[in-house]
C-alpha cells in the first residue's frame, strides 16, 4: 500500500486528487492539508510514502516545504509554468 499525503490550498483540486487516488487499490490518501506550514506535522502524524505538494500555498510554499523534507518522496503540482519554479523544484 502506498500512503499519500496531499497538500494543496484549493479544496476542489485536493478533493479531486484524493478521490482519483482512492480509486486505486494500492494507494491510500492518509492525510490532506490546505497549508504548507501544516505539512511537517502531518508527515510526523501519518508517515506517508509520497507527499504531493502544490507549489503555491499559504503558510509556506511547496518548494520551501520540500526543502524541509529531505529523504521523502515528493511530487510537486503547479499550474504555473515559471522556469524559476521548475529549476527550484528539480533542485
N, C-alpha and C. Protein backbone atom coordinates (compact mmCIF):
# COMPACT_ATOMS: atom_id res chain seq x y z
N UNK A 1 0.84 -1.18 0.00
CA UNK A 1 0.00 0.00 0.00
C UNK A 1 0.89 1.24 0.00
N UNK A 2 0.63 2.16 -0.92
CA UNK A 2 1.35 3.43 -0.99
C UNK A 2 0.52 4.47 -0.23
N UNK A 3 1.16 5.05 0.79
CA UNK A 3 0.49 6.04 1.64
C UNK A 3 0.83 7.44 1.13
N UNK A 4 -0.20 8.25 0.86
CA UNK A 4 -0.02 9.56 0.23
C UNK A 4 -0.56 10.67 1.14
N UNK A 5 0.21 11.75 1.22
CA UNK A 5 -0.24 12.97 1.88
C UNK A 5 -0.45 14.01 0.79
N UNK A 6 -1.60 14.67 0.78
CA UNK A 6 -1.90 15.71 -0.20
C UNK A 6 -1.86 17.07 0.47
N UNK A 7 -1.13 18.01 -0.11
CA UNK A 7 -1.07 19.38 0.39
C UNK A 7 -1.37 20.34 -0.75
N UNK A 8 -2.55 20.92 -0.72
CA UNK A 8 -2.98 21.87 -1.75
C UNK A 8 -4.02 22.78 -1.11
N UNK A 9 -3.90 24.08 -1.33
CA UNK A 9 -4.83 25.01 -0.72
C UNK A 9 -6.18 25.06 -1.44
N UNK A 10 -6.25 24.55 -2.64
CA UNK A 10 -7.51 24.52 -3.39
C UNK A 10 -8.29 23.26 -3.01
N UNK A 11 -9.37 23.45 -2.26
CA UNK A 11 -10.16 22.33 -1.75
C UNK A 11 -10.66 21.42 -2.88
N UNK A 12 -11.15 22.00 -3.98
CA UNK A 12 -11.68 21.19 -5.07
C UNK A 12 -10.59 20.36 -5.74
N UNK A 13 -9.43 20.95 -5.94
CA UNK A 13 -8.31 20.21 -6.55
C UNK A 13 -7.86 19.09 -5.62
N UNK A 14 -7.66 19.42 -4.36
CA UNK A 14 -7.21 18.42 -3.37
C UNK A 14 -8.22 17.28 -3.27
N UNK A 15 -9.49 17.63 -3.23
CA UNK A 15 -10.54 16.61 -3.14
C UNK A 15 -10.61 15.73 -4.37
N UNK A 16 -10.44 16.34 -5.54
CA UNK A 16 -10.48 15.56 -6.79
C UNK A 16 -9.31 14.59 -6.86
N UNK A 17 -8.13 15.06 -6.49
CA UNK A 17 -6.95 14.17 -6.49
C UNK A 17 -7.14 13.04 -5.50
N UNK A 18 -7.64 13.36 -4.32
CA UNK A 18 -7.88 12.33 -3.30
C UNK A 18 -8.88 11.29 -3.80
N UNK A 19 -9.92 11.76 -4.45
CA UNK A 19 -10.93 10.83 -4.98
C UNK A 19 -10.35 9.92 -6.05
N UNK A 20 -9.59 10.50 -6.98
CA UNK A 20 -8.97 9.69 -8.04
C UNK A 20 -7.97 8.69 -7.47
N UNK A 21 -7.14 9.13 -6.54
CA UNK A 21 -6.18 8.20 -5.94
C UNK A 21 -6.90 7.11 -5.15
N UNK A 22 -8.02 7.46 -4.54
CA UNK A 22 -8.80 6.48 -3.77
C UNK A 22 -9.36 5.36 -4.62
N UNK A 23 -9.44 5.56 -5.91
CA UNK A 23 -9.92 4.51 -6.82
C UNK A 23 -8.87 3.43 -7.07
N UNK A 24 -7.63 3.73 -6.74
CA UNK A 24 -6.55 2.77 -6.94
C UNK A 24 -6.46 1.83 -5.73
N UNK A 25 -6.44 0.53 -5.96
CA UNK A 25 -6.46 -0.40 -4.84
C UNK A 25 -5.19 -0.40 -3.98
N UNK A 26 -4.07 0.09 -4.54
CA UNK A 26 -2.82 0.05 -3.79
C UNK A 26 -2.35 1.44 -3.33
N UNK A 27 -3.28 2.43 -3.33
CA UNK A 27 -2.96 3.78 -2.86
C UNK A 27 -3.96 4.18 -1.80
N UNK A 28 -3.45 4.76 -0.71
CA UNK A 28 -4.30 5.27 0.36
C UNK A 28 -3.89 6.71 0.67
N UNK A 29 -4.83 7.64 0.59
CA UNK A 29 -4.57 9.02 0.99
C UNK A 29 -4.75 9.06 2.50
N UNK A 30 -3.63 9.25 3.21
CA UNK A 30 -3.66 9.18 4.67
C UNK A 30 -3.87 10.53 5.33
N UNK A 31 -3.65 11.63 4.59
CA UNK A 31 -3.86 12.96 5.16
C UNK A 31 -3.98 13.98 4.04
N UNK A 32 -4.71 15.06 4.35
CA UNK A 32 -4.85 16.19 3.44
C UNK A 32 -4.70 17.46 4.26
N UNK A 33 -3.92 18.40 3.75
CA UNK A 33 -3.77 19.70 4.41
C UNK A 33 -3.89 20.80 3.36
N UNK A 34 -4.30 21.99 3.81
CA UNK A 34 -4.52 23.10 2.91
C UNK A 34 -3.45 24.19 3.04
N UNK A 35 -2.49 23.99 3.92
CA UNK A 35 -1.44 24.99 4.16
C UNK A 35 -0.09 24.30 4.22
N UNK A 36 0.91 24.97 3.66
CA UNK A 36 2.25 24.41 3.67
C UNK A 36 2.84 24.24 5.06
N UNK A 37 2.49 25.14 5.97
CA UNK A 37 3.04 25.05 7.32
C UNK A 37 2.43 23.92 8.14
N UNK A 38 1.47 23.21 7.61
CA UNK A 38 0.87 22.05 8.29
C UNK A 38 1.43 20.72 7.80
N UNK A 39 2.26 20.76 6.78
CA UNK A 39 2.76 19.52 6.18
C UNK A 39 3.66 18.75 7.12
N UNK A 40 4.61 19.42 7.76
CA UNK A 40 5.57 18.71 8.61
C UNK A 40 4.87 17.91 9.71
N UNK A 41 3.88 18.50 10.35
CA UNK A 41 3.15 17.79 11.40
C UNK A 41 2.38 16.61 10.82
N UNK A 42 1.77 16.80 9.65
CA UNK A 42 1.04 15.70 9.01
C UNK A 42 1.97 14.56 8.64
N UNK A 43 3.19 14.88 8.21
CA UNK A 43 4.19 13.84 7.90
C UNK A 43 4.53 13.06 9.17
N UNK A 44 4.74 13.77 10.27
CA UNK A 44 5.05 13.09 11.55
C UNK A 44 3.88 12.24 12.03
N UNK A 45 2.67 12.72 11.83
CA UNK A 45 1.48 12.00 12.31
C UNK A 45 1.11 10.80 11.46
N UNK A 46 1.38 10.86 10.14
CA UNK A 46 0.84 9.84 9.23
C UNK A 46 1.87 9.03 8.46
N UNK A 47 3.13 9.40 8.50
CA UNK A 47 4.21 8.66 7.83
C UNK A 47 3.88 8.28 6.40
N UNK A 48 3.61 9.26 5.52
CA UNK A 48 3.29 8.92 4.13
C UNK A 48 4.53 8.44 3.37
N UNK A 49 4.28 7.66 2.34
CA UNK A 49 5.36 7.24 1.43
C UNK A 49 5.64 8.32 0.40
N UNK A 50 4.60 9.04 0.00
CA UNK A 50 4.71 10.09 -1.02
C UNK A 50 3.97 11.33 -0.51
N UNK A 51 4.59 12.49 -0.72
CA UNK A 51 3.98 13.76 -0.35
C UNK A 51 3.73 14.54 -1.63
N UNK A 52 2.47 14.87 -1.90
CA UNK A 52 2.09 15.63 -3.08
C UNK A 52 1.90 17.08 -2.64
N UNK A 53 2.73 17.98 -3.18
CA UNK A 53 2.73 19.38 -2.76
C UNK A 53 2.35 20.32 -3.90
N UNK A 54 1.45 21.23 -3.61
CA UNK A 54 1.20 22.34 -4.51
C UNK A 54 2.33 23.34 -4.30
N UNK A 55 2.75 24.02 -5.33
CA UNK A 55 3.84 24.98 -5.18
C UNK A 55 3.39 26.21 -4.39
N UNK A 56 2.23 26.75 -4.71
CA UNK A 56 1.77 27.97 -4.05
C UNK A 56 0.68 27.64 -3.04
N UNK A 57 1.02 27.80 -1.76
CA UNK A 57 0.08 27.59 -0.66
C UNK A 57 0.32 28.65 0.40
N UNK A 58 -0.69 28.94 1.20
CA UNK A 58 -0.47 29.85 2.33
C UNK A 58 0.37 29.18 3.41
N UNK A 59 0.96 29.99 4.26
CA UNK A 59 1.75 29.46 5.37
C UNK A 59 3.18 29.17 4.99
N UNK A 60 3.37 28.38 3.95
CA UNK A 60 4.69 28.06 3.42
C UNK A 60 4.49 27.46 2.03
N UNK A 61 5.25 27.94 1.06
CA UNK A 61 5.06 27.42 -0.30
C UNK A 61 5.63 26.00 -0.40
N UNK A 62 5.14 25.26 -1.38
CA UNK A 62 5.53 23.86 -1.54
C UNK A 62 7.01 23.65 -1.78
N UNK A 63 7.67 24.60 -2.45
CA UNK A 63 9.11 24.47 -2.69
C UNK A 63 9.87 24.53 -1.37
N UNK A 64 9.49 25.45 -0.50
CA UNK A 64 10.14 25.55 0.81
C UNK A 64 9.84 24.32 1.65
N UNK A 65 8.60 23.86 1.60
CA UNK A 65 8.23 22.65 2.34
C UNK A 65 9.10 21.48 1.89
N UNK A 66 9.26 21.31 0.58
CA UNK A 66 10.06 20.19 0.05
C UNK A 66 11.49 20.25 0.56
N UNK A 67 12.04 21.45 0.70
CA UNK A 67 13.40 21.60 1.20
C UNK A 67 13.53 21.13 2.65
N UNK A 68 12.43 21.14 3.39
CA UNK A 68 12.47 20.73 4.80
C UNK A 68 12.22 19.23 4.98
N UNK A 69 12.03 18.52 3.87
CA UNK A 69 11.69 17.09 3.93
C UNK A 69 12.71 16.22 3.21
N UNK A 70 13.98 16.34 3.53
CA UNK A 70 14.97 15.50 2.83
C UNK A 70 14.69 14.03 3.08
N UNK A 71 14.89 13.24 2.06
CA UNK A 71 14.69 11.80 2.20
C UNK A 71 13.26 11.34 1.95
N UNK A 72 12.35 12.27 1.73
CA UNK A 72 10.96 11.91 1.45
C UNK A 72 10.69 12.01 -0.05
N UNK A 73 9.85 11.14 -0.56
CA UNK A 73 9.44 11.21 -1.95
C UNK A 73 8.40 12.32 -2.09
N UNK A 74 8.69 13.28 -2.97
CA UNK A 74 7.81 14.45 -3.14
C UNK A 74 7.42 14.57 -4.61
N UNK A 75 6.14 14.83 -4.83
CA UNK A 75 5.62 15.11 -6.16
C UNK A 75 5.08 16.54 -6.10
N UNK A 76 5.58 17.41 -6.98
CA UNK A 76 5.17 18.80 -6.99
C UNK A 76 4.07 19.02 -8.03
N UNK A 77 3.05 19.81 -7.65
CA UNK A 77 1.98 20.18 -8.56
C UNK A 77 1.98 21.69 -8.74
N UNK A 78 1.71 22.14 -9.95
CA UNK A 78 1.59 23.57 -10.16
C UNK A 78 0.92 23.85 -11.49
N UNK A 79 0.17 24.91 -11.52
CA UNK A 79 -0.40 25.37 -12.79
C UNK A 79 0.48 26.48 -13.37
N UNK A 80 1.58 26.81 -12.70
CA UNK A 80 2.47 27.86 -13.14
C UNK A 80 3.59 27.27 -14.00
N UNK A 81 3.90 27.94 -15.10
CA UNK A 81 4.96 27.48 -15.99
C UNK A 81 6.22 28.32 -15.85
N UNK A 82 6.47 28.84 -14.68
CA UNK A 82 7.62 29.70 -14.48
C UNK A 82 8.91 28.88 -14.40
N UNK A 83 9.91 29.22 -15.24
CA UNK A 83 11.17 28.46 -15.25
C UNK A 83 11.86 28.43 -13.88
N UNK A 84 11.78 29.51 -13.11
CA UNK A 84 12.40 29.54 -11.79
C UNK A 84 11.81 28.49 -10.86
N UNK A 85 10.48 28.32 -10.93
CA UNK A 85 9.83 27.29 -10.11
C UNK A 85 10.32 25.90 -10.50
N UNK A 86 10.42 25.66 -11.79
CA UNK A 86 10.85 24.34 -12.26
C UNK A 86 12.28 24.04 -11.82
N UNK A 87 13.18 25.01 -11.99
CA UNK A 87 14.57 24.79 -11.57
C UNK A 87 14.66 24.53 -10.07
N UNK A 88 13.92 25.31 -9.30
CA UNK A 88 13.96 25.14 -7.83
C UNK A 88 13.34 23.81 -7.42
N UNK A 89 12.26 23.41 -8.07
CA UNK A 89 11.63 22.12 -7.75
C UNK A 89 12.55 20.96 -8.08
N UNK A 90 13.25 21.03 -9.18
CA UNK A 90 14.16 19.95 -9.55
C UNK A 90 15.37 19.89 -8.64
N UNK A 91 15.76 21.03 -8.09
CA UNK A 91 16.91 21.04 -7.17
C UNK A 91 16.55 20.34 -5.89
